[in-house]
Amino acid sequence: MDIASKNGLATGVVSMADFTDATPATFLSHSDSRNKNQKIAKGVSASNVDVIISGGLNYAFSNTTFEYLLDWNGNPVYSEMENDDVFEMLQDAGYDTYLGKEAKRPFLSDESSEKAFYALTDGNMPFNYVRKSAENKETYRDLPDLNEMAEKAIRSLEKDEDGFMLMLEASAIDDAAHYGRVDYLSAEMGELDRTLAVIFDFYQAHPDDTLIILTADHETGNEILSEEKFAKLEQIAGGVPWDQSIADIDKFILDNFQRQVYSDKVVLSLDCIAQDYYGNDYENRLYGAAAIMDIIYEQCGFNLRSLDHSHQDVPLYVTGFGSEAFEEAQSIMEISDIICDLLEFENTLGEKYSE
């Protein structure tokens, strides 16, 4: 981000996590430890990253300025900062700073500041599966998903004629694996898919000068999958019959996966479909579909052997402008070096990883 900004690109960081969490912090601040949240929070105002959207409201202000702030949904949040006020630091650095409930109007409107900081919730933003539960679906109905956060950031950053660099983090995938919850995990993977659709919409409009990189900093869960059982999915005709009754859905799951479905969750999704509650098929089906995926994963021999990070390889998918430069990459550690070479930026990161 430092190098991109120095070379005239607009920059953005979007994460479902607290902005002081490890990955967004790496792109927003300079610290010798991921655990120094207050130091990281204070460093953000000097980052010069143009658009920041995330959780972490509790680190975005001091109790000396506000006794507490209301989060996006109106719940009181108290500061985790001991002395320095990040809100004032951001304001002094030229950011339009929108915190919690006050972020609703500018976020949901077409307003797009050139330099904006949005902290929407206390800590990490909630899991999509949790948001769509019966007790939470109304409370979290208008809290933006990652795809909406991505769209907001792109609209702001694309105004810069010199181009932009945007880091998007689907952090809840990692968190779901830490919890060992396949239903949470499948819902977050679905949201990643929707976010990629937003990114590829932009790519389709700018195919000659857009580079998309999809990767992860590590694997979580040390997952295994039975290839033999997974292959049997190809023998199943059609998908879950969402346009039919709970009995028909239950029969489909029972016939194909020898398990009963979680009827209360499917009933909730059927109700959302009937009302078009969220205004799109994906969110209407999400809660019931994620619960069904839990059954399917088990029948496919999918298993998380750990609740922690593992040494499994992570993918590196690259497409668009200059993507061929990544063909020989052996590690994600090479990504920043390749970008600098590709764009002919002076590499101030020190000794190249590949060397």
Protein backbone atom coordinates (compact mmCIF):
# COMPACT_ATOMS: atom_id res chain seq x y z
CA MET A 1 0.00 0.00 0.00
CA ASP A 2 2.85 2.41 0.79
CA ILE A 3 4.46 1.77 -2.60
CA ALA A 4 1.16 2.01 -4.49
CA SER A 5 0.31 5.30 -2.82
CA LYS A 6 3.80 6.69 -3.49
CA ASN A 7 3.30 5.90 -7.17
CA GLY A 8 0.03 7.79 -7.41
CA LEU A 9 -2.51 4.98 -7.08
CA ALA A 10 -5.59 5.40 -4.92
CA THR A 11 -5.72 2.72 -2.21
CA GLY A 12 -8.36 0.91 -0.22
CA VAL A 13 -8.73 -1.71 2.49
CA VAL A 14 -12.02 -3.54 3.12
CA SER A 15 -12.39 -6.28 5.72
CA MET A 16 -15.08 -8.08 7.66
CA ALA A 17 -12.65 -8.01 10.58
CA ASP A 18 -11.73 -5.36 13.13
CA PHE A 19 -9.40 -2.96 11.28
CA THR A 20 -6.67 -3.66 13.86
CA ASP A 21 -6.85 -7.41 13.12
CA ALA A 22 -3.76 -8.99 11.54
CA THR A 23 -4.57 -8.77 7.82
CA PRO A 24 -6.09 -5.28 7.57
CA ALA A 25 -3.46 -4.03 10.04
CA THR A 26 -0.71 -5.25 7.70
CA PHE A 27 -2.09 -2.98 4.97
CA LEU A 28 -2.93 -0.03 7.25
CA SER A 29 -0.23 0.38 9.83
CA HIS A 30 3.32 -0.47 10.93
CA SER A 31 3.78 -2.58 14.06
CA ASP A 32 6.15 -5.29 15.21
CA SER A 33 3.24 -7.32 16.59
CA ARG A 34 -0.34 -8.04 15.56
CA ASN A 35 -1.33 -7.85 19.24
CA LYS A 36 -0.57 -4.13 19.68
CA ASN A 37 -4.08 -3.03 18.72
CA GLN A 38 -3.78 0.48 20.12
CA LYS A 39 -0.50 1.13 18.31
CA ILE A 40 -2.00 -0.24 15.08
CA ALA A 41 -5.12 1.92 15.46
CA LYS A 42 -3.02 5.06 15.99
CA GLY A 43 -0.98 4.29 12.88
CA VAL A 44 -3.94 4.17 10.51
CA SER A 45 -4.24 7.94 10.17
CA ALA A 46 -0.70 8.06 8.77
CA SER A 47 -1.30 5.20 6.32
CA ASN A 48 -2.63 7.45 3.54
CA VAL A 49 -4.95 4.60 2.49
CA ASP A 50 -7.87 6.41 0.88
CA VAL A 51 -10.89 4.21 1.65
CA ILE A 52 -11.17 1.97 4.72
CA ILE A 53 -14.30 -0.07 5.55
CA SER A 54 -14.35 -2.61 8.39
CA GLY A 55 -15.33 -3.44 11.93
CA GLY A 56 -13.30 -2.27 14.92
CA LEU A 57 -15.45 0.63 16.08
CA ASN A 58 -14.13 0.08 19.62
CA TYR A 59 -10.64 1.22 18.49
CA ALA A 60 -11.82 4.15 16.38
CA PHE A 61 -12.40 6.68 19.16
CA SER A 62 -11.50 7.57 22.72
CA ASN A 63 -13.79 7.94 25.73
CA THR A 64 -12.31 11.41 26.19
CA THR A 65 -14.15 12.47 23.02
CA PHE A 66 -17.26 10.26 23.23
CA GLU A 67 -18.51 8.44 26.32
CA TYR A 68 -19.60 5.69 23.93
CA LEU A 69 -20.76 5.37 20.33
CA LEU A 70 -23.68 3.45 18.85
CA ASP A 71 -22.76 0.74 16.37
CA TRP A 72 -24.51 0.31 13.01
CA ASN A 73 -27.46 -1.37 14.76
CA GLY A 74 -27.69 1.12 17.63
CA ASN A 75 -25.89 -0.82 20.36
CA PRO A 76 -23.53 1.14 22.67
CA VAL A 77 -19.80 0.54 22.13
CA TYR A 78 -17.11 1.66 24.58
CA SER A 79 -13.59 2.58 23.57
CA GLU A 80 -10.61 0.22 23.84
CA MET A 81 -8.20 3.16 23.49
CA GLU A 82 -6.46 4.33 26.66
CA ASN A 83 -5.26 7.77 25.61
CA ASP A 84 -5.04 8.73 21.94
CA ASP A 85 -8.19 9.47 20.01
CA VAL A 86 -8.14 7.80 16.60
CA PHE A 87 -11.24 9.72 15.50
CA GLU A 88 -9.46 13.06 15.96
CA MET A 89 -6.27 11.72 14.35
CA LEU A 90 -8.23 10.59 11.29
CA GLN A 91 -10.07 13.90 11.07
CA ASP A 92 -6.78 15.82 11.30
CA ALA A 93 -5.35 13.62 8.52
CA GLY A 94 -8.17 14.64 6.18
CA TYR A 95 -10.47 11.62 6.48
CA ASP A 96 -14.24 11.84 6.43
CA THR A 97 -14.73 9.59 9.44
CA TYR A 98 -18.00 7.69 9.80
CA LEU A 99 -18.42 5.61 12.94
CA GLY A 100 -21.12 3.09 13.76
CA LYS A 101 -24.69 4.26 13.35
CA GLU A 102 -23.52 7.58 11.87
CA ALA A 103 -22.03 5.62 8.94
CA LYS A 104 -25.45 4.47 7.71
CA ARG A 105 -26.48 7.55 5.76
CA PRO A 106 -23.21 8.14 3.85
CA PHE A 107 -22.63 4.42 3.28
CA LEU A 108 -26.10 3.69 1.93
CA SER A 109 -26.15 6.84 -0.21
CA ASP A 110 -24.23 7.51 -3.41
CA GLU A 111 -21.81 9.71 -1.49
CA SER A 112 -18.22 8.57 -1.97
CA SER A 113 -15.54 10.67 -0.28
CA GLU A 114 -12.05 10.61 -1.75
CA LYS A 115 -10.67 9.84 1.71
CA ALA A 116 -13.07 8.00 3.99
CA PHE A 117 -12.94 5.75 7.06
CA TYR A 118 -15.94 3.62 8.01
CA ALA A 119 -15.94 1.53 11.21
CA LEU A 120 -19.33 -0.17 11.32
CA THR A 121 -19.38 -2.58 14.26
CA ASP A 122 -17.65 -3.43 17.51
CA GLY A 123 -14.89 -5.98 16.80
CA ASN A 124 -15.31 -8.26 13.79
CA MET A 125 -18.49 -8.03 11.76
CA PRO A 126 -20.96 -10.87 12.46
CA PHE A 127 -21.11 -14.12 10.47
CA ASN A 128 -23.59 -14.14 7.59
CA TYR A 129 -25.18 -17.30 8.99
CA VAL A 130 -25.72 -15.59 12.34
CA ARG A 131 -27.14 -12.49 10.66
CA LYS A 132 -29.79 -14.50 8.83
CA SER A 133 -31.06 -16.41 11.91
CA ALA A 134 -34.63 -15.84 13.05
CA GLU A 135 -33.60 -13.78 16.07
CA ASN A 136 -31.16 -11.57 14.12
CA LYS A 137 -32.49 -11.23 10.58
CA GLU A 138 -34.34 -7.96 11.21
CA THR A 139 -31.57 -6.42 13.34
CA TYR A 140 -28.86 -7.03 10.74
CA ARG A 141 -31.00 -6.63 7.63
CA ASP A 142 -29.28 -3.48 6.36
CA LEU A 143 -25.76 -4.16 7.68
CA PRO A 144 -23.66 -4.36 4.50
CA ASP A 145 -22.22 -7.65 3.31
CA LEU A 146 -18.69 -7.88 1.91
CA ASN A 147 -19.93 -7.54 -1.67
CA GLU A 148 -21.65 -4.25 -0.81
CA MET A 149 -18.54 -2.99 0.99
CA ALA A 150 -16.49 -3.92 -2.09
CA GLU A 151 -18.87 -2.07 -4.40
CA LYS A 152 -18.76 1.04 -2.19
CA ALA A 153 -14.94 1.04 -2.16
CA ILE A 154 -14.65 0.49 -5.92
CA ARG A 155 -17.07 3.36 -6.66
CA SER A 156 -14.90 5.68 -4.59
CA LEU A 157 -11.51 4.51 -5.83
CA GLU A 158 -12.27 4.26 -9.54
CA LYS A 159 -12.57 8.05 -9.71
CA ASP A 160 -8.78 8.26 -9.58
CA GLU A 161 -7.60 8.38 -13.20
CA ASP A 162 -4.22 6.89 -12.22
CA GLY A 163 -5.86 3.68 -11.01
CA PHE A 164 -6.15 2.04 -7.62
CA MET A 165 -5.10 -0.89 -5.45
CA LEU A 166 -7.76 -2.48 -3.24
CA MET A 167 -7.32 -5.22 -0.63
CA LEU A 168 -10.54 -7.08 0.22
CA GLU A 169 -10.57 -9.61 3.05
CA ALA A 170 -13.25 -12.27 3.54
CA SER A 171 -11.97 -12.76 7.09
CA ALA A 172 -15.01 -14.62 8.39
CA ILE A 173 -14.01 -17.73 6.38
CA ASP A 174 -11.02 -18.15 8.70
CA ASP A 175 -13.15 -17.41 11.78
CA ALA A 176 -15.76 -19.99 10.76
CA ALA A 177 -13.09 -22.69 10.55
CA HIS A 178 -11.76 -21.68 13.98
CA TYR A 179 -15.27 -22.30 15.29
CA GLY A 180 -15.45 -25.62 13.43
CA ARG A 181 -18.76 -24.59 11.89
CA VAL A 182 -19.28 -25.84 8.34
CA ASP A 183 -22.62 -24.02 8.11
CA TYR A 184 -20.89 -20.73 8.92
CA LEU A 185 -18.09 -21.60 6.49
CA SER A 186 -20.38 -22.39 3.56
CA ALA A 187 -22.31 -19.14 4.05
CA GLU A 188 -19.07 -17.13 4.02
CA MET A 189 -17.79 -18.93 0.90
CA GLY A 190 -21.07 -18.00 -0.77
CA GLU A 191 -20.52 -14.37 0.19
CA LEU A 192 -16.99 -14.52 -1.23
CA ASP A 193 -18.52 -15.76 -4.48
CA ARG A 194 -20.87 -12.76 -4.56
CA THR A 195 -17.96 -10.42 -3.84
CA LEU A 196 -15.99 -11.91 -6.72
CA ALA A 197 -18.98 -11.23 -8.95
CA VAL A 198 -18.72 -7.52 -8.05
CA ILE A 199 -14.99 -7.57 -8.78
CA PHE A 200 -15.48 -9.30 -12.13
CA ASP A 201 -18.18 -6.80 -13.10
CA PHE A 202 -15.51 -4.12 -12.77
CA TYR A 203 -13.03 -6.34 -14.63
CA GLN A 204 -15.44 -6.79 -17.55
CA ALA A 205 -15.60 -3.00 -17.92
CA HIS A 206 -11.79 -2.61 -17.67
CA PRO A 207 -10.29 -5.89 -18.97
CA ASP A 208 -7.02 -4.46 -20.28
CA ASP A 209 -5.76 -2.81 -17.13
CA THR A 210 -7.23 -4.77 -14.21
CA LEU A 211 -5.32 -7.44 -12.28
CA ILE A 212 -7.20 -9.68 -9.84
CA ILE A 213 -5.34 -11.80 -7.28
CA LEU A 214 -7.17 -14.27 -5.03
CA THR A 215 -5.23 -15.97 -2.27
CA ALA A 216 -5.03 -16.51 1.50
CA ASP A 217 -2.40 -15.89 4.12
CA HIS A 218 -2.86 -19.40 5.53
CA GLU A 219 -5.22 -22.37 5.66
CA THR A 220 -7.43 -22.95 8.70
CA GLY A 221 -8.92 -26.27 9.80
CA ASN A 222 -6.54 -28.73 8.12
CA GLU A 223 -9.48 -29.95 6.06
CA ILE A 224 -9.80 -33.30 4.36
CA LEU A 225 -12.29 -34.49 1.75
CA SER A 226 -13.14 -37.94 0.42
CA GLU A 227 -12.66 -37.66 -3.35
CA GLU A 228 -14.70 -40.84 -3.85
CA LYS A 229 -17.68 -39.52 -1.89
CA PHE A 230 -17.35 -36.05 -3.39
CA ALA A 231 -17.47 -37.52 -6.91
CA LYS A 232 -20.92 -38.96 -6.16
CA LEU A 233 -22.31 -35.41 -6.19
CA GLU A 234 -22.13 -35.53 -9.99
CA GLN A 235 -24.72 -38.31 -9.96
CA ILE A 236 -27.33 -36.15 -8.22
CA ALA A 237 -29.89 -34.66 -10.57
CA GLY A 238 -30.77 -31.04 -9.92
CA GLY A 239 -30.40 -29.02 -6.77
CA VAL A 240 -32.41 -28.40 -3.62
CA PRO A 241 -36.06 -27.82 -4.71
CA TRP A 242 -36.54 -24.43 -3.08
CA ASP A 243 -39.74 -23.81 -5.03
CA GLN A 244 -41.39 -26.80 -3.34
CA SER A 245 -42.48 -27.68 0.20
CA ILE A 246 -40.42 -28.47 3.29
CA ALA A 247 -41.45 -32.12 2.84
CA ASP A 248 -40.07 -32.15 -0.71
CA ILE A 249 -36.79 -30.55 0.42
CA ASP A 250 -36.52 -33.01 3.29
CA LYS A 251 -37.10 -35.93 0.89
CA PHE A 252 -34.43 -34.62 -1.51
CA ILE A 253 -31.84 -34.45 1.29
CA LEU A 254 -32.90 -37.81 2.73
CA ASP A 255 -32.82 -39.57 -0.66
CA ASN A 256 -29.41 -38.17 -1.63
CA PHE A 257 -27.61 -37.83 1.69
CA GLN A 258 -29.43 -40.17 4.09
CA ARG A 259 -30.01 -37.44 6.65
CA GLN A 260 -32.90 -35.38 7.97
CA VAL A 261 -32.78 -31.67 7.25
CA TYR A 262 -32.93 -28.95 9.92
CA SER A 263 -36.56 -28.07 9.22
CA ASP A 264 -36.70 -24.88 11.31
CA LYS A 265 -33.86 -23.38 9.28
CA VAL A 266 -35.37 -24.40 5.97
CA VAL A 267 -38.76 -23.03 7.04
CA LEU A 268 -37.10 -19.67 7.74
CA SER A 269 -35.52 -19.63 4.28
CA LEU A 270 -38.77 -20.64 2.60
CA ASP A 271 -40.48 -17.78 4.40
CA CYS A 272 -37.78 -15.36 3.21
CA ILE A 273 -38.17 -16.65 -0.35
CA ALA A 274 -41.95 -16.21 -0.21
CA GLN A 275 -41.57 -12.60 1.01
CA ASP A 276 -38.44 -11.90 -1.05
CA TYR A 277 -37.27 -10.62 2.31
CA TYR A 278 -33.71 -9.69 1.31
CA GLY A 279 -34.45 -8.81 -2.30
CA ASN A 280 -32.19 -11.51 -3.76
CA ASP A 281 -32.29 -15.30 -4.02
CA TYR A 282 -28.92 -15.87 -2.38
CA GLU A 283 -29.69 -14.15 0.91
CA ASN A 284 -33.23 -15.50 1.00
CA ARG A 285 -31.88 -19.07 0.85
CA LEU A 286 -28.67 -18.56 2.82
CA TYR A 287 -29.70 -19.72 6.29
CA GLY A 288 -31.37 -22.94 5.18
CA ALA A 289 -28.81 -23.61 2.44
CA ALA A 290 -25.87 -23.30 4.85
CA ALA A 291 -27.52 -25.77 7.24
CA ILE A 292 -28.08 -28.20 4.37
CA MET A 293 -24.43 -27.80 3.32
CA ASP A 294 -23.46 -29.05 6.78
CA ILE A 295 -25.22 -32.33 5.94
CA ILE A 296 -23.75 -32.53 2.43
CA TYR A 297 -20.21 -31.85 3.64
CA GLU A 298 -20.46 -34.66 6.18
CA GLN A 299 -21.74 -37.10 3.56
CA CYS A 300 -18.87 -36.08 1.25
CA GLY A 301 -16.31 -36.95 3.88
CA PHE A 302 -15.45 -33.32 4.50
CA ASN A 303 -13.85 -32.81 7.88
CA LEU A 304 -11.97 -30.09 9.76
CA ARG A 305 -9.23 -31.89 11.64
CA SER A 306 -8.22 -28.83 13.61
CA LEU A 307 -9.60 -25.52 14.82
CA ASP A 308 -6.34 -23.74 14.07
CA HIS A 309 -4.12 -22.70 11.18
CA SER A 310 -2.37 -25.46 9.28
CA HIS A 311 0.52 -25.94 6.88
CA GLN A 312 -1.72 -26.88 3.96
CA ASP A 313 -0.99 -24.96 0.78
CA VAL A 314 -3.26 -22.06 -0.11
CA PRO A 315 -4.39 -21.25 -3.65
CA LEU A 316 -3.05 -18.43 -5.77
CA TYR A 317 -5.50 -17.52 -8.52
CA VAL A 318 -4.55 -14.65 -10.83
CA THR A 319 -6.26 -13.22 -13.89
CA GLY A 320 -6.17 -10.09 -16.00
CA PHE A 321 -3.40 -7.63 -16.80
CA GLY A 322 0.06 -9.15 -16.22
CA SER A 323 -1.27 -12.40 -14.77
CA GLU A 324 1.32 -14.43 -16.70
CA ALA A 325 4.01 -12.90 -14.47
CA PHE A 326 2.73 -15.07 -11.60
CA GLU A 327 3.00 -18.42 -13.42
CA GLU A 328 6.34 -19.31 -11.83
CA ALA A 329 5.47 -18.08 -8.33
CA GLN A 330 6.24 -20.63 -5.63
CA SER A 331 4.95 -18.67 -2.65
CA ILE A 332 2.49 -15.91 -1.82
CA MET A 333 5.52 -14.10 -0.37
CA GLU A 334 6.51 -13.28 -3.96
CA ILE A 335 3.30 -11.40 -4.78
CA SER A 336 4.46 -7.93 -3.76
CA ASP A 337 7.77 -8.32 -5.61
CA ILE A 338 5.98 -9.40 -8.78
CA ILE A 339 3.57 -6.46 -8.59
CA CYS A 340 6.49 -4.03 -8.25
CA ASP A 341 8.26 -5.60 -11.23
CA LEU A 342 5.08 -5.64 -13.30
CA LEU A 343 4.25 -1.97 -12.68
CA GLU A 344 7.90 -0.88 -12.68
CA PHE A 345 7.62 0.53 -9.16
CA GLU A 346 10.73 0.96 -7.06
CA ASN A 347 10.68 -1.96 -4.65
CA THR A 348 11.38 -0.54 -1.20
CA LEU A 349 10.46 -3.75 0.61
CA GLY A 350 14.07 -4.80 0.97
CA GLU A 351 15.66 -7.96 -0.41
CA LYS A 352 13.37 -9.76 -2.83
CA TYR A 353 11.78 -12.89 -1.41
CA SER A 354 12.68 -14.94 -4.51
CA GLU A 355 16.33 -13.96 -4.15
